[in-house]
């Protein structure tokens, strides 16, 4: 059952259909209201979505360059780059990711501006979480966007859309954190992924990644699971990590 979310003053929504039946339904949520963003991300994850939460438009733009999303949920008014400017940038670059725009602007002129900029749908705050889920399902029913190509380094192959990894032809038991770290390393290869980028991409709360030697522990486990696969995860002192053939 979906959580009771304080997104609207109306009665609590009816129970939506059950969680989505796929680990590959990946959603980007860009919302500068920290509390609202956390509530949205938590609610969507409880419904089975894979969610990346970012606080501003420029960070959202960077994630959209690196990762493939079935839907992007963008707040209109964000620091650094507004949702409106971001969706215009996406459409100029012919990025087909469906966009659901969130905004407090509710005049017809505002709705027209958002749709004309390239948004696929428009939801006015405050809104009902059940309606948000219904609109996401409607966007998912549209013809799928082209999938990110599989990434291969050595004997390691990653399908970012299906979130599946094969190592020497077998599928190792990777945790969600290990899979997230491997994905960002492979996308940046042969470049370096800095520790902050890893923390932002993999952990819901990036501060959790900097406790003790958390990142190093997960990397050590990942290295052991990739042993014999013709790859090497290197530590670049003072910067971060990279994965290269070897």
Protein backbone atom coordinates (compact mmCIF):
# COMPACT_ATOMS: atom_id res chain seq x y z
CA UNK A 1 0.00 0.00 0.00
CA UNK A 2 1.30 3.43 -0.85
CA UNK A 3 2.29 5.60 2.13
CA UNK A 4 0.08 8.45 3.29
CA UNK A 5 2.03 11.40 1.91
CA UNK A 6 1.41 15.02 2.96
CA UNK A 7 1.28 16.32 -0.62
CA UNK A 8 -2.29 17.56 -0.67
CA UNK A 9 -5.00 18.78 1.66
CA UNK A 10 -7.55 16.43 0.11
CA UNK A 11 -8.50 13.04 1.51
CA UNK A 12 -5.90 10.29 1.39
CA UNK A 13 -5.72 8.60 -2.02
CA UNK A 14 -7.24 5.23 -2.70
CA UNK A 15 -4.79 2.36 -2.67
CA UNK A 16 -3.03 2.37 -6.06
CA UNK A 17 -2.30 -0.76 -8.05
CA UNK A 18 0.47 -2.91 -6.61
CA UNK A 19 4.15 -2.12 -7.00
CA UNK A 20 5.58 -2.01 -10.49
CA UNK A 21 6.77 -5.41 -11.66
CA UNK A 22 10.25 -4.42 -12.76
CA UNK A 23 13.56 -3.34 -11.27
CA UNK A 24 14.30 -1.52 -14.52
CA UNK A 25 11.70 1.25 -14.10
CA UNK A 26 14.13 4.01 -13.25
CA UNK A 27 12.89 7.49 -12.38
CA UNK A 28 14.77 10.75 -11.85
CA UNK A 29 13.19 13.11 -9.31
CA UNK A 30 14.57 16.67 -9.35
CA UNK A 31 13.09 18.69 -6.48
CA UNK A 32 14.77 21.45 -4.48
CA UNK A 33 12.34 21.11 -1.55
CA UNK A 34 14.31 18.57 0.47
CA UNK A 35 11.34 17.29 2.48
CA UNK A 36 9.08 16.88 -0.55
CA UNK A 37 11.86 15.24 -2.54
CA UNK A 38 12.54 12.69 0.19
CA UNK A 39 8.82 11.90 0.55
CA UNK A 40 8.45 11.41 -3.20
CA UNK A 41 11.56 9.24 -3.47
CA UNK A 42 10.55 7.08 -0.53
CA UNK A 43 6.99 6.63 -1.82
CA UNK A 44 8.16 5.71 -5.32
CA UNK A 45 10.73 3.22 -4.02
CA UNK A 46 8.04 1.57 -1.92
CA UNK A 47 6.08 1.14 -5.15
CA UNK A 48 9.02 -0.65 -6.79
CA UNK A 49 10.69 2.15 -8.71
CA UNK A 50 14.45 2.71 -8.86
CA UNK A 51 14.78 6.39 -7.93
CA UNK A 52 17.59 8.92 -8.21
CA UNK A 53 16.84 12.11 -6.24
CA UNK A 54 18.69 15.36 -7.03
CA UNK A 55 18.25 18.89 -5.61
CA UNK A 56 18.75 21.17 -8.61
CA UNK A 57 18.51 21.44 -12.38
CA UNK A 58 22.22 21.26 -13.20
CA UNK A 59 22.63 18.04 -11.22
CA UNK A 60 19.54 16.66 -12.94
CA UNK A 61 21.05 17.53 -16.32
CA UNK A 62 24.25 15.66 -15.42
CA UNK A 63 22.32 12.56 -14.36
CA UNK A 64 20.27 12.64 -17.56
CA UNK A 65 23.50 12.69 -19.58
CA UNK A 66 24.90 9.65 -17.77
CA UNK A 67 21.84 7.49 -17.07
CA UNK A 68 18.76 6.22 -18.88
CA UNK A 69 15.41 7.00 -17.23
CA UNK A 70 11.91 5.84 -18.10
CA UNK A 71 10.53 9.09 -16.65
CA UNK A 72 11.99 12.32 -15.24
CA UNK A 73 9.95 14.21 -12.63
CA UNK A 74 11.16 17.83 -12.68
CA UNK A 75 10.19 20.73 -10.43
CA UNK A 76 9.64 23.90 -12.44
CA UNK A 77 11.44 26.25 -10.03
CA UNK A 78 14.85 24.86 -9.10
CA UNK A 79 18.18 26.56 -8.39
CA UNK A 80 20.97 26.64 -10.97
CA UNK A 81 18.70 25.50 -13.82
CA UNK A 82 14.91 25.58 -13.81
CA UNK A 83 12.83 22.58 -14.82
CA UNK A 84 11.51 24.60 -17.75
CA UNK A 85 15.02 25.41 -18.99
CA UNK A 86 16.11 21.83 -18.46
CA UNK A 87 13.30 20.29 -20.49
CA UNK A 88 14.01 22.78 -23.29
CA UNK A 89 17.67 21.71 -23.21
CA UNK A 90 16.66 18.04 -23.34
CA UNK A 91 14.42 18.51 -26.34
CA UNK A 92 17.02 20.54 -28.23
CA UNK A 93 19.41 17.63 -27.68
CA UNK A 94 16.68 15.24 -28.91
CA UNK A 95 16.63 13.43 -25.56
CA UNK A 96 13.32 11.52 -25.61
CA UNK A 97 12.94 10.86 -21.87
CA UNK A 98 9.31 11.55 -20.85
CA UNK A 99 9.06 14.50 -18.45
CA UNK A 100 6.44 15.10 -15.78
CA UNK A 101 6.64 18.73 -14.62
CA UNK A 102 5.78 19.63 -11.01
CA UNK A 103 4.86 23.21 -10.27
CA UNK A 104 2.78 25.57 -8.17
CA UNK A 105 1.99 27.54 -11.33
CA UNK A 106 -1.58 26.70 -12.30
CA UNK A 107 -2.70 29.29 -14.86
CA UNK A 108 -3.49 28.12 -18.41
CA UNK A 109 -0.58 30.22 -19.70
CA UNK A 110 1.83 28.45 -17.36
CA UNK A 111 0.57 25.01 -18.37
CA UNK A 112 0.88 25.92 -22.03
CA UNK A 113 4.43 27.19 -21.49
CA UNK A 114 5.47 23.97 -19.77
CA UNK A 115 3.96 21.72 -22.42
CA UNK A 116 5.29 23.81 -25.28
CA UNK A 117 8.78 23.64 -23.76
CA UNK A 118 8.64 19.86 -24.16
CA UNK A 119 7.11 18.48 -20.95
CA UNK A 120 4.89 15.44 -21.54
CA UNK A 121 2.63 16.03 -18.55
CA UNK A 122 2.03 18.62 -15.87
CA UNK A 123 1.03 18.25 -12.21
CA UNK A 124 0.14 21.22 -10.00
CA UNK A 125 1.18 21.34 -6.34
CA UNK A 126 -0.27 20.32 -3.94
CA UNK A 127 -1.12 17.00 -5.54
CA UNK A 128 -2.35 13.55 -4.62
CA UNK A 129 0.34 10.86 -4.61
CA UNK A 130 -2.06 8.39 -6.24
CA UNK A 131 -2.48 10.80 -9.16
CA UNK A 132 1.30 11.10 -9.49
CA UNK A 133 1.56 7.31 -9.74
CA UNK A 134 -1.22 7.19 -12.33
CA UNK A 135 0.51 9.82 -14.47
CA UNK A 136 3.81 7.94 -14.25
CA UNK A 137 2.08 4.74 -15.37
CA UNK A 138 0.51 6.61 -18.29
CA UNK A 139 3.92 7.89 -19.38
CA UNK A 140 5.37 4.38 -19.08
CA UNK A 141 2.69 3.07 -21.46
CA UNK A 142 4.02 5.28 -24.24
CA UNK A 143 6.45 3.74 -26.75
CA UNK A 144 9.73 3.13 -24.89
CA UNK A 145 12.72 5.38 -25.38
CA UNK A 146 15.83 3.88 -26.91
CA UNK A 147 17.76 1.91 -24.35
CA UNK A 148 21.28 2.65 -23.24
CA UNK A 149 23.75 0.32 -24.91
CA UNK A 150 25.28 -2.44 -22.85
CA UNK A 151 28.66 -1.55 -21.39
CA UNK A 152 31.51 -4.03 -21.56
CA UNK A 153 34.94 -3.90 -19.91
CA UNK A 154 36.99 -7.07 -19.93
CA UNK A 155 34.64 -9.94 -19.10
CA UNK A 156 32.21 -7.66 -17.24
CA UNK A 157 29.01 -6.71 -19.07
CA UNK A 158 26.39 -4.34 -17.65
CA UNK A 159 22.90 -3.78 -19.04
CA UNK A 160 21.93 -0.43 -17.46
CA UNK A 161 18.28 -0.66 -18.50
CA UNK A 162 17.70 -4.12 -17.00
CA UNK A 163 20.26 -3.48 -14.22
CA UNK A 164 21.87 -6.84 -14.89
CA UNK A 165 25.54 -7.73 -14.72
CA UNK A 166 27.34 -10.74 -16.12
CA UNK A 167 30.91 -11.62 -15.16
CA UNK A 168 32.62 -14.23 -17.31
CA UNK A 169 29.19 -15.33 -18.50
CA UNK A 170 27.70 -15.74 -15.04
CA UNK A 171 25.58 -13.42 -12.92
CA UNK A 172 27.23 -12.61 -9.59
CA UNK A 173 25.13 -11.74 -6.55
CA UNK A 174 25.71 -8.00 -6.40
CA UNK A 175 24.00 -5.82 -3.83
CA UNK A 176 22.20 -2.67 -4.95
CA UNK A 177 25.09 -0.57 -3.66
CA UNK A 178 27.69 -2.68 -5.48
CA UNK A 179 25.68 -2.47 -8.69
CA UNK A 180 25.39 1.31 -8.36
CA UNK A 181 29.13 1.69 -7.81
CA UNK A 182 29.92 -0.58 -10.77
CA UNK A 183 27.57 1.37 -13.03
CA UNK A 184 29.09 4.77 -12.32
CA UNK A 185 32.62 3.37 -12.65
CA UNK A 186 31.83 1.77 -16.01
CA UNK A 187 30.12 4.89 -17.31
CA UNK A 188 33.09 7.06 -16.38
CA UNK A 189 35.74 4.57 -17.57
CA UNK A 190 38.55 5.11 -18.34
CA UNK A 191 38.01 8.33 -16.39
CA UNK A 192 37.82 8.61 -12.63
CA UNK A 193 34.64 8.66 -10.54
CA UNK A 194 35.23 10.86 -7.51
CA UNK A 195 33.99 9.80 -4.08
CA UNK A 196 31.32 12.49 -3.93
CA UNK A 197 29.81 11.44 -7.26
CA UNK A 198 29.70 7.84 -6.08
CA UNK A 199 28.02 8.86 -2.83
CA UNK A 200 25.42 11.00 -4.59
CA UNK A 201 24.58 8.32 -7.13
CA UNK A 202 24.49 5.25 -4.90
CA UNK A 203 23.31 6.33 -1.45
CA UNK A 204 19.92 7.91 -0.64
CA UNK A 205 21.73 10.13 1.84
CA UNK A 206 25.24 10.81 0.59
CA UNK A 207 26.42 11.51 4.15
CA UNK A 208 25.94 7.79 4.89
CA UNK A 209 28.68 6.98 2.39
CA UNK A 210 31.30 8.98 4.26
CA UNK A 211 30.92 7.25 7.61
CA UNK A 212 34.00 5.26 8.57
CA UNK A 213 35.39 3.60 5.41
CA UNK A 214 31.99 2.71 3.89
CA UNK A 215 32.86 3.27 0.24
CA UNK A 216 36.15 1.39 0.55
CA UNK A 217 34.43 -1.60 2.16
CA UNK A 218 31.89 -1.88 -0.67
CA UNK A 219 34.62 -1.46 -3.27
CA UNK A 220 36.65 -4.24 -1.69
CA UNK A 221 33.64 -6.57 -1.91
CA UNK A 222 33.01 -5.54 -5.51
CA UNK A 223 36.65 -6.20 -6.43
CA UNK A 224 36.41 -9.72 -5.02
CA UNK A 225 33.27 -10.45 -7.05
CA UNK A 226 34.97 -9.25 -10.25
CA UNK A 227 38.13 -11.31 -9.69
CA UNK A 228 39.32 -13.06 -12.83
CA UNK A 229 37.11 -10.95 -15.12
CA UNK A 230 39.93 -9.05 -16.81
CA UNK A 231 39.22 -5.73 -15.07
CA UNK A 232 40.95 -3.72 -12.38
CA UNK A 233 39.41 -1.16 -10.02
CA UNK A 234 42.13 1.35 -9.19
CA UNK A 235 42.23 3.86 -6.36
CA UNK A 236 43.34 7.28 -7.60
CA UNK A 237 44.72 8.83 -4.45
CA UNK A 238 42.97 12.01 -3.40
CA UNK A 239 40.46 11.79 -6.27
CA UNK A 240 38.42 8.60 -6.47
CA UNK A 241 38.32 5.34 -8.39
CA UNK A 242 38.32 4.00 -11.92
CA UNK A 243 37.76 0.67 -13.62
CA UNK A 244 39.96 -0.35 -16.53
CA UNK A 245 40.81 -3.55 -18.41
CA UNK A 246 43.60 -5.48 -16.80
